[in-house]
Protein backbone atom coordinates (compact mmCIF):
# COMPACT_ATOMS: atom_id res chain seq x y z
CA MET A 1 -0.38 -133.39 -92.02
CA LYS A 2 0.13 -130.60 -89.88
CA LYS A 3 -2.93 -129.43 -90.06
CA ILE A 4 -4.72 -132.75 -89.84
CA LYS A 5 -3.57 -133.89 -87.30
CA GLN A 6 -4.00 -130.21 -85.71
CA ASN A 7 -8.13 -130.91 -86.93
CA LEU A 8 -8.40 -134.19 -85.19
CA ILE A 9 -7.32 -133.23 -82.66
CA ASN A 10 -9.74 -130.20 -82.46
CA ASN A 11 -12.32 -132.40 -83.59
CA LYS A 12 -12.10 -134.83 -80.17
CA LYS A 13 -12.49 -132.21 -78.26
CA THR A 14 -14.99 -130.45 -79.63
CA ASP A 15 -16.46 -134.15 -79.41
CA HIS A 16 -15.77 -134.88 -76.29
CA GLU A 17 -17.24 -130.94 -74.92
CA LYS A 18 -19.99 -131.84 -76.67
CA LYS A 19 -20.49 -135.51 -74.85
CA VAL A 20 -19.74 -133.08 -71.17
CA LEU A 21 -22.64 -130.69 -72.78
CA SER A 22 -24.95 -132.92 -73.59
CA TYR A 23 -24.58 -134.60 -69.86
CA LYS A 24 -25.37 -131.22 -68.40
CA LEU A 25 -27.72 -130.62 -70.64
CA ILE A 26 -29.34 -133.79 -69.80
CA SER A 27 -29.11 -133.59 -66.09
CA VAL A 28 -30.84 -130.02 -65.52
CA VAL A 29 -33.55 -131.22 -67.86
CA VAL A 30 -33.93 -134.70 -65.91
CA LEU A 31 -32.93 -132.79 -61.96
CA SER A 32 -36.27 -129.83 -63.47
CA MET A 33 -38.89 -132.58 -64.22
CA SER A 34 -38.33 -134.29 -61.42
CA PHE A 35 -38.89 -131.09 -58.89
CA ILE A 36 -41.86 -129.68 -61.68
CA LEU A 37 -43.45 -133.54 -60.78
CA LEU A 38 -42.28 -133.66 -56.79
CA ASN A 39 -44.06 -130.17 -56.62
CA ALA A 40 -47.09 -129.75 -59.27
CA CYS A 41 -49.74 -132.12 -57.31
CA ASN A 42 -48.42 -130.82 -53.84
CA LYS A 43 -51.98 -130.67 -51.94
CA ASP A 44 -52.62 -129.43 -48.72
CA ASN A 45 -53.79 -132.37 -46.44
CA ASP A 46 -55.74 -130.92 -42.75
CA ASP A 47 -58.25 -134.91 -43.50
CA ASP A 48 -54.89 -136.87 -42.89
CA ASP A 49 -52.88 -135.44 -40.25
CA SER A 50 -56.66 -135.89 -38.08
CA ILE A 51 -56.96 -138.51 -38.79
CA ALA A 52 -53.40 -139.07 -37.23
CA GLU A 53 -53.92 -137.72 -34.27
CA LYS A 54 -56.64 -140.12 -33.39
CA ILE A 55 -55.14 -142.97 -33.60
CA ASN A 56 -53.13 -143.92 -30.37
CA TYR A 57 -50.80 -147.06 -31.05
CA SER A 58 -49.92 -147.04 -26.84
CA ASP A 59 -53.27 -147.84 -26.84
CA ALA A 60 -53.25 -151.62 -27.22
CA SER A 61 -57.02 -151.34 -27.83
CA ASN A 62 -56.59 -150.13 -32.01
CA TRP A 63 -54.13 -153.46 -32.93
CA VAL A 64 -55.42 -156.58 -34.52
CA SER A 65 -52.76 -158.48 -31.70
CA ILE A 66 -50.18 -156.82 -29.19
CA PRO A 67 -48.73 -160.09 -27.39
CA THR A 68 -46.65 -160.09 -24.37
CA ALA A 69 -43.80 -160.76 -26.06
CA THR A 70 -42.62 -163.90 -24.33
CA LYS A 71 -40.84 -165.71 -27.49
CA ASN A 72 -37.79 -165.21 -29.23
CA VAL A 73 -39.05 -163.60 -32.54
CA ASP A 74 -41.09 -160.70 -33.74
CA VAL A 75 -44.01 -160.52 -36.19
CA PHE A 76 -45.31 -157.48 -37.61
CA TYR A 77 -48.27 -158.59 -39.74
CA VAL A 78 -49.32 -156.41 -42.05
CA TYR A 79 -52.66 -157.56 -42.36
CA PRO A 80 -53.57 -157.26 -46.59
CA THR A 81 -56.77 -154.94 -48.24
CA VAL A 82 -59.26 -155.74 -45.85
CA SER A 83 -61.67 -152.73 -46.24
CA SER A 84 -65.09 -151.57 -49.19
CA ASN A 85 -65.56 -148.79 -47.68
CA ALA A 86 -67.19 -146.50 -49.94
CA THR A 87 -64.97 -142.73 -48.87
CA GLY A 88 -61.95 -144.68 -50.55
CA ALA A 89 -59.87 -145.50 -46.48
CA MET A 90 -60.76 -148.46 -44.32
CA ASP A 91 -62.04 -146.34 -40.75
CA ILE A 92 -60.33 -148.24 -38.23
CA PHE A 93 -62.21 -147.43 -35.09
CA ASN A 94 -65.57 -149.13 -37.40
CA THR A 95 -66.15 -152.83 -35.89
CA GLU A 96 -67.02 -154.29 -39.03
CA GLU A 97 -63.21 -153.58 -40.12
CA ARG A 98 -61.80 -154.18 -37.75
CA ALA A 99 -63.66 -157.37 -37.80
CA LEU A 100 -62.52 -157.68 -41.37
CA ALA A 101 -58.94 -157.71 -40.67
CA GLN A 102 -59.34 -159.44 -37.80
CA GLY A 103 -60.61 -162.69 -39.49
CA ILE A 104 -57.82 -161.42 -42.02
CA PHE A 105 -55.38 -162.09 -38.96
CA LYS A 106 -56.48 -165.60 -38.03
CA ALA A 107 -56.38 -166.62 -41.70
CA GLN A 108 -53.15 -165.79 -42.31
CA ALA A 109 -51.03 -164.30 -39.66
CA SER A 110 -52.11 -166.57 -36.79
CA VAL A 111 -50.04 -169.75 -38.09
CA PHE A 112 -46.64 -167.65 -36.65
CA GLU A 113 -48.52 -167.46 -32.85
CA GLY A 114 -46.57 -170.99 -31.59
CA LYS A 115 -42.92 -169.32 -32.16
CA ALA A 116 -43.42 -165.72 -32.43
CA ASN A 117 -44.81 -162.95 -30.49
CA VAL A 118 -47.76 -161.93 -33.76
CA PHE A 119 -47.41 -157.34 -33.54
CA ALA A 120 -50.76 -156.27 -35.97
CA PRO A 121 -51.58 -153.32 -35.46
CA TYR A 122 -55.64 -151.54 -37.42
CA TYR A 123 -53.66 -149.04 -40.06
CA ARG A 124 -55.77 -146.77 -42.40
CA GLN A 125 -55.70 -148.17 -45.64
CA MET A 126 -57.12 -147.67 -49.26
CA SER A 127 -59.98 -149.46 -49.98
CA THR A 128 -61.62 -152.25 -52.53
CA LYS A 129 -63.78 -149.18 -53.45
CA VAL A 130 -61.76 -145.63 -54.01
CA ASN A 131 -62.17 -144.03 -56.84
CA MET A 132 -59.27 -142.48 -58.76
CA PRO A 133 -59.49 -139.52 -60.79
CA LYS A 134 -57.49 -139.90 -63.62
CA ARG A 135 -55.66 -136.97 -63.04
CA THR A 136 -54.69 -136.03 -60.05
CA CYS A 137 -53.10 -132.34 -60.82
CA ASN A 138 -55.28 -129.81 -62.84
CA ARG A 139 -52.92 -126.37 -62.29
CA TYR A 140 -51.41 -127.62 -65.43
């Protein structure tokens, strides 16, 4: 009987140790996979920085709407995708693309202007004609 009890105790220890070991193993695998996935397709893209530097939001011309704050409520409006630019990204300096943003602003956000200060910047967005490659990383 003593041997049976001792075996049961040892088996419980072993089961507990197995659980702890499996949790540690799962944690290591998850962390490793996360690291690999987050770093596998890391690209340097100088174009993003150069475009971002050109956008000066202290300049009122880079806003669809930048009112004088006279009301008690502020609304920050981000319009939906309006660009179908073949490059895959909206050119916020293009007159036609700005007209699209202004039109959608008038159709959707202008309803808030009676009760709120509605702020809406021109911003880069992915266009509807973007061609997303099926595989974005060719490292592996």
